[in-house]
Protein backbone atom coordinates (compact mmCIF):
# COMPACT_ATOMS: atom_id res chain seq x y z
CA MET A 1 15.72 -40.69 13.43
CA LYS A 2 17.28 -39.57 16.70
CA ARG A 3 15.06 -39.75 19.77
CA ARG A 4 15.22 -35.94 20.29
CA ASN A 5 14.08 -35.24 16.71
CA PHE A 6 11.36 -37.85 16.98
CA LEU A 7 9.97 -36.21 20.12
CA LYS A 8 10.03 -32.76 18.46
CA LEU A 9 8.14 -34.12 15.46
CA ALA A 10 5.58 -35.86 17.64
CA LEU A 11 5.03 -32.76 19.77
CA SER A 12 4.59 -30.51 16.74
CA THR A 13 2.06 -32.95 15.26
CA ILE A 14 0.02 -32.94 18.47
CA ILE A 15 0.04 -29.13 18.65
CA ALA A 16 -0.91 -28.81 15.00
CA GLY A 17 -3.87 -31.11 15.51
CA GLN A 18 -5.17 -28.87 18.27
CA LEU A 19 -4.98 -25.63 16.30
CA PRO A 20 -7.88 -24.37 14.20
CA SER A 21 -7.50 -24.95 10.48
CA HIS A 22 -7.50 -21.22 9.67
CA VAL A 23 -4.09 -20.91 11.32
CA PHE A 24 -2.63 -22.89 8.42
CA SER A 25 -4.87 -21.96 5.51
CA GLN A 26 -7.46 -19.46 4.45
CA ALA A 27 -8.39 -21.55 1.39
CA PRO A 28 -12.06 -21.62 0.43
CA VAL A 29 -13.93 -24.75 1.46
CA CYS A 30 -15.79 -25.26 -1.82
CA THR A 31 -15.75 -24.29 -5.47
CA VAL A 32 -18.32 -22.74 -7.79
CA ALA A 33 -17.55 -22.76 -11.50
CA VAL A 34 -18.99 -20.05 -13.76
CA ALA A 35 -18.86 -19.85 -17.55
CA GLU A 36 -20.24 -17.22 -19.89
CA GLY A 37 -20.98 -17.25 -23.61
CA THR A 38 -23.67 -17.62 -26.23
CA ASP A 39 -22.79 -21.25 -27.00
CA TYR A 40 -24.82 -22.79 -24.19
CA ALA A 41 -23.61 -26.35 -24.78
CA SER A 42 -20.00 -25.20 -24.63
CA ILE A 43 -20.31 -23.19 -21.42
CA THR A 44 -22.19 -26.05 -19.77
CA ARG A 45 -19.36 -28.42 -20.58
CA LYS A 46 -16.82 -25.87 -19.36
CA VAL A 47 -18.28 -25.65 -15.85
CA VAL A 48 -18.40 -29.44 -15.59
CA THR A 49 -14.78 -29.68 -16.73
CA ALA A 50 -13.77 -27.04 -14.16
CA LEU A 51 -15.10 -29.32 -11.43
CA GLY A 52 -13.10 -32.31 -12.59
CA GLY A 53 -15.18 -33.47 -15.54
CA MET A 54 -18.29 -35.63 -15.63
CA ARG A 55 -16.24 -38.77 -15.00
CA SER A 56 -15.61 -37.51 -11.49
CA PHE A 57 -19.36 -37.76 -10.88
CA VAL A 58 -20.59 -40.51 -13.19
CA LYS A 59 -19.00 -43.95 -13.38
CA PRO A 60 -19.48 -46.59 -16.09
CA GLY A 61 -22.75 -48.43 -15.57
CA ASN A 62 -24.35 -45.75 -13.40
CA THR A 63 -27.99 -44.76 -13.58
CA VAL A 64 -28.20 -40.97 -13.58
CA ILE A 65 -31.08 -38.61 -12.88
CA VAL A 66 -30.86 -35.24 -14.63
CA LYS A 67 -33.50 -33.11 -12.92
CA PRO A 68 -34.39 -29.93 -14.86
CA ASN A 69 -37.22 -27.51 -14.22
CA MET A 70 -39.96 -28.50 -16.68
CA ALA A 71 -42.78 -27.45 -14.36
CA TRP A 72 -44.42 -24.75 -16.46
CA ASP A 73 -46.21 -24.47 -19.78
CA ARG A 74 -43.66 -22.03 -21.14
CA LYS A 75 -41.25 -21.92 -24.06
CA PRO A 76 -37.51 -21.57 -23.21
CA GLU A 77 -37.29 -17.84 -23.95
CA TYR A 78 -39.61 -17.05 -21.02
CA ALA A 79 -36.99 -18.25 -18.49
CA ALA A 80 -39.45 -20.35 -16.49
CA THR A 81 -37.84 -23.67 -17.41
CA THR A 82 -34.30 -24.99 -17.85
CA HIS A 83 -32.85 -24.38 -21.29
CA PRO A 84 -32.96 -27.54 -23.45
CA THR A 85 -29.46 -26.99 -24.84
CA VAL A 86 -28.02 -27.02 -21.30
CA ILE A 87 -29.83 -30.28 -20.54
CA ARG A 88 -28.69 -31.97 -23.75
CA ALA A 89 -25.06 -31.05 -23.06
CA ILE A 90 -25.29 -32.52 -19.55
CA VAL A 91 -26.94 -35.71 -20.77
CA GLU A 92 -24.31 -36.14 -23.49
CA GLU A 93 -21.57 -35.70 -20.88
CA CYS A 94 -23.19 -38.37 -18.69
CA LEU A 95 -23.37 -40.81 -21.59
CA GLY A 96 -19.78 -40.00 -22.50
CA ALA A 97 -18.75 -40.87 -18.95
CA GLY A 98 -20.34 -44.31 -19.37
CA ALA A 99 -23.78 -43.91 -17.81
CA ARG A 100 -25.95 -46.97 -18.43
CA LYS A 101 -29.16 -44.95 -18.30
CA VAL A 102 -29.99 -41.26 -17.98
CA LYS A 103 -33.48 -40.40 -16.76
CA VAL A 104 -34.99 -36.94 -17.16
CA PHE A 105 -38.27 -35.98 -15.51
CA ASP A 106 -40.15 -33.37 -13.48
CA ASN A 107 -43.40 -33.43 -11.53
CA THR A 108 -44.95 -30.45 -13.27
CA CYS A 109 -47.24 -27.74 -11.94
CA ASN A 110 -49.11 -27.11 -15.22
CA ASP A 111 -50.41 -29.86 -17.53
CA SER A 112 -47.55 -32.32 -17.97
CA ARG A 113 -47.96 -32.87 -21.69
CA ARG A 114 -48.00 -29.17 -22.48
CA CYS A 115 -45.07 -28.52 -20.14
CA TYR A 116 -42.93 -31.24 -21.68
CA GLU A 117 -43.79 -30.15 -25.19
CA ASN A 118 -43.26 -26.41 -24.78
CA CYS A 119 -40.12 -26.48 -22.62
CA GLY A 120 -38.28 -28.12 -25.52
CA ILE A 121 -36.29 -30.61 -23.44
CA PRO A 122 -37.79 -33.89 -24.74
CA ASP A 123 -37.27 -32.75 -28.33
CA ALA A 124 -33.68 -31.76 -27.56
CA LEU A 125 -32.94 -35.28 -26.30
CA LYS A 126 -34.42 -37.15 -29.25
CA GLY A 127 -31.97 -39.51 -30.90
CA LEU A 128 -29.85 -40.11 -27.81
CA LYS A 129 -29.61 -43.77 -26.80
CA ASN A 130 -30.11 -44.91 -23.20
CA VAL A 131 -32.00 -41.72 -22.33
CA GLU A 132 -35.44 -41.93 -20.76
CA VAL A 133 -37.74 -38.90 -20.74
CA ARG A 134 -41.06 -39.87 -19.17
CA PHE A 135 -43.97 -38.22 -17.43
CA VAL A 136 -44.01 -38.99 -13.72
CA GLU A 137 -46.33 -41.86 -12.79
CA ASN A 138 -48.26 -41.87 -9.54
CA ASP A 139 -47.46 -45.50 -8.77
CA ARG A 140 -43.75 -44.71 -8.82
CA PHE A 141 -43.93 -42.40 -5.82
CA LYS A 142 -42.82 -44.05 -2.60
CA LYS A 143 -43.71 -42.98 0.92
CA THR A 144 -40.32 -42.19 2.39
CA ALA A 145 -39.29 -41.57 5.98
CA ILE A 146 -37.90 -38.06 6.21
CA ARG A 147 -37.69 -37.53 9.97
CA GLY A 148 -37.00 -33.89 9.29
CA LYS A 149 -37.66 -30.70 11.13
CA PHE A 150 -41.01 -30.21 9.39
CA LEU A 151 -41.64 -33.30 7.25
CA LYS A 152 -41.70 -36.70 8.91
CA GLU A 153 -42.47 -38.59 5.71
CA TRP A 154 -43.34 -37.77 2.12
CA ALA A 155 -43.99 -39.45 -1.22
CA LEU A 156 -40.79 -39.15 -3.28
CA TYR A 157 -40.25 -40.35 -6.83
CA SER A 158 -38.65 -43.77 -6.60
CA ASP A 159 -36.24 -43.14 -9.47
CA SER A 160 -34.60 -40.35 -7.46
CA LEU A 161 -34.16 -42.72 -4.52
CA THR A 162 -32.47 -45.50 -6.47
CA ALA A 163 -30.28 -43.60 -8.94
CA ASP A 164 -26.51 -43.67 -8.54
CA VAL A 165 -26.12 -39.97 -9.38
CA LEU A 166 -28.52 -37.04 -9.27
CA ILE A 167 -27.69 -33.90 -11.24
CA ASN A 168 -29.89 -30.97 -10.27
CA VAL A 169 -30.38 -28.45 -13.09
CA PRO A 170 -32.65 -25.54 -12.09
CA ILE A 171 -33.11 -22.24 -13.86
CA ALA A 172 -32.36 -19.14 -11.77
CA LYS A 173 -35.52 -17.12 -11.32
CA HIS A 174 -37.66 -14.98 -9.08
CA HIS A 175 -40.21 -16.62 -6.80
CA GLY A 176 -43.06 -14.80 -5.07
CA LEU A 177 -42.78 -16.77 -1.81
CA THR A 178 -39.10 -17.65 -1.38
CA GLY A 179 -37.57 -14.68 -3.19
CA LEU A 180 -35.69 -16.91 -5.61
CA THR A 181 -36.00 -20.49 -6.80
CA LEU A 182 -32.68 -22.23 -7.41
CA GLY A 183 -31.18 -25.65 -6.69
CA LEU A 184 -32.74 -26.33 -3.29
CA LYS A 185 -36.25 -25.54 -4.48
CA ASN A 186 -35.87 -27.40 -7.77
CA MET A 187 -35.99 -30.62 -5.76
CA MET A 188 -39.72 -30.10 -5.28
CA GLY A 189 -39.96 -31.84 -8.65
CA ILE A 190 -39.27 -35.24 -7.05
CA MET A 191 -42.12 -34.78 -4.56
CA GLY A 192 -45.60 -36.21 -4.91
CA ASP A 193 -48.78 -35.69 -2.88
CA SER A 194 -50.18 -32.20 -2.28
CA ARG A 195 -47.05 -30.08 -2.43
CA GLY A 196 -48.92 -26.94 -1.42
CA TYR A 197 -48.75 -28.21 2.16
CA ILE A 198 -45.03 -27.51 2.42
CA HIS A 199 -45.59 -23.79 1.93
CA ARG A 200 -46.54 -23.68 5.61
CA SER A 201 -42.85 -24.00 6.41
CA ILE A 202 -41.18 -24.12 3.03
CA GLU A 203 -37.61 -23.45 4.19
CA ASP A 204 -37.64 -26.37 6.63
CA ALA A 205 -39.49 -28.62 4.18
CA LEU A 206 -36.97 -28.00 1.40
CA CYS A 207 -34.09 -28.66 3.76
CA ASP A 208 -35.77 -31.87 4.88
CA ILE A 209 -36.08 -33.12 1.28
CA ASN A 210 -32.54 -32.09 0.35
CA SER A 211 -31.22 -33.86 3.43
CA VAL A 212 -32.70 -37.15 2.22
CA VAL A 213 -32.03 -36.88 -1.53
CA LYS A 214 -28.65 -35.33 -2.26
CA SER A 215 -27.72 -33.48 -5.43
CA HIS A 216 -24.28 -34.78 -6.39
CA LEU A 217 -23.88 -31.92 -8.84
CA THR A 218 -25.90 -28.72 -9.15
CA ILE A 219 -25.79 -26.89 -12.47
CA ILE A 220 -27.76 -23.64 -12.51
CA ASP A 221 -29.00 -22.36 -15.84
CA ALA A 222 -28.53 -18.60 -15.88
CA THR A 223 -28.43 -18.28 -19.64
CA ARG A 224 -31.49 -16.11 -19.07
CA ILE A 225 -33.09 -15.39 -15.71
CA LEU A 226 -36.60 -14.41 -14.67
CA VAL A 227 -36.33 -11.30 -12.52
CA ARG A 228 -40.03 -10.70 -11.82
CA HIS A 229 -43.34 -12.56 -11.66
CA GLY A 230 -41.79 -15.96 -10.99
CA PRO A 231 -41.89 -18.83 -10.90
CA GLN A 232 -44.21 -19.02 -13.91
CA GLY A 233 -43.46 -15.78 -15.73
CA GLY A 234 -45.01 -15.21 -19.13
CA ASN A 235 -43.71 -11.77 -20.10
CA LEU A 236 -40.44 -11.35 -21.97
CA LYS A 237 -39.99 -7.97 -20.26
CA ASP A 238 -39.32 -9.91 -17.05
CA VAL A 239 -36.45 -11.87 -18.63
CA ARG A 240 -32.80 -10.84 -18.47
CA VAL A 241 -30.31 -12.60 -20.75
CA LEU A 242 -27.03 -13.33 -18.92
CA ASN A 243 -25.56 -16.20 -21.00
CA LYS A 244 -24.13 -17.86 -17.89
CA VAL A 245 -24.04 -21.34 -16.39
CA ILE A 246 -23.03 -22.04 -12.78
CA ALA A 247 -22.00 -25.36 -11.25
CA SER A 248 -20.89 -26.75 -7.89
CA ARG A 249 -20.78 -29.96 -5.91
CA ASP A 250 -22.24 -27.86 -3.08
CA ILE A 251 -25.90 -27.02 -3.71
CA VAL A 252 -25.96 -24.24 -1.12
CA ALA A 253 -22.84 -22.61 -2.56
CA ALA A 254 -24.33 -22.76 -6.06
CA ASP A 255 -27.52 -21.12 -4.80
CA ALA A 256 -25.59 -18.54 -2.82
CA TYR A 257 -23.54 -17.45 -5.82
CA ALA A 258 -26.59 -17.39 -8.11
CA THR A 259 -28.28 -15.00 -5.70
CA THR A 260 -25.76 -12.32 -6.69
CA LEU A 261 -27.08 -12.39 -10.26
CA PHE A 262 -30.20 -10.70 -8.92
CA ASN A 263 -28.17 -8.07 -7.01
CA MET A 264 -29.10 -9.83 -3.78
CA LYS A 265 -27.14 -11.41 -0.96
CA PRO A 266 -27.39 -15.08 0.10
CA ASP A 267 -28.68 -14.14 3.55
CA GLU A 268 -31.71 -12.48 1.91
CA ILE A 269 -32.96 -15.89 0.73
CA SER A 270 -34.48 -17.83 3.61
CA THR A 271 -34.07 -21.25 1.97
CA THR A 272 -30.34 -20.67 1.51
CA VAL A 273 -29.95 -19.54 5.12
CA ALA A 274 -31.92 -22.50 6.46
CA ALA A 275 -29.87 -24.97 4.42
CA TYR A 276 -26.62 -23.42 5.60
CA LYS A 277 -27.72 -23.63 9.23
CA ARG A 278 -28.64 -27.27 8.71
CA GLY A 279 -25.14 -28.06 7.41
CA LEU A 280 -26.19 -28.74 3.83
CA GLY A 281 -23.51 -26.50 2.35
CA GLU A 282 -21.66 -23.19 2.40
CA MET A 283 -23.39 -19.84 1.85
CA ASN A 284 -20.60 -17.45 2.85
CA LEU A 285 -19.23 -16.04 -0.39
CA GLY A 286 -15.88 -15.36 1.26
CA LYS A 287 -15.42 -19.10 1.73
CA ILE A 288 -16.40 -20.03 -1.79
CA LYS A 289 -13.79 -20.25 -4.52
CA VAL A 290 -15.27 -18.94 -7.76
CA VAL A 291 -13.59 -20.34 -10.88
CA LYS A 292 -14.17 -18.68 -14.24
CA ALA A 293 -14.37 -21.61 -16.62
């Protein structure tokens, strides 16, 4: 290369490095995959495939946590808990990618045995090898340094701290305090102690927890959503069937998109706004690429 051309190339590289990225591209910074249909296993697999397939998240020999919402003594049709068919499809995908062990659990709000039985998830996973569905055990919570804005330490379930991959699978529903409960709030299920305390500053507390334990993949069950009287529900009149599943590597982006299912905007949900401000993900819909899977 001639010296003159070399200097031109070097100068252009320096200038390019000083210019903001939007000068070159307006491409969205993250992707949310959405699939719709009445075959819930199929649409769950479609959103995972749209993000590169489960093998892009789970490697052979990995221990995987699949964290549904099993917190309430409700059957699937009441839209208070994650649909069991969605969970089974995810677990099967993890095993197919070579996971050594898949663990499924939730620290429930109602009686654990009734919650596990009525949500249908343990029954849906029967017969699958290398899958562990257990009630949480108090001696498996570990005091963990949080050093957050609100929480300085908290008891977190040890399995969630040691797993190679955590897949967060909430159901999209109304919540009396936070407006909606989605991916960010679903992580309350790894918390021990008296969780009522965090309601004093729930947005900061949830951000603190999600800063320490990351969701590698968030898959939001919107096959049916609870539009009123959440998070527990109990009346089928409050349920809207949408037959959708949403997925993203970015938990904030997944939550932001799911907000639109309720005819709301992301900035109306304080937990989403707080997480965005803390750098946990993208909430601006204009910067999110939505892929119809």
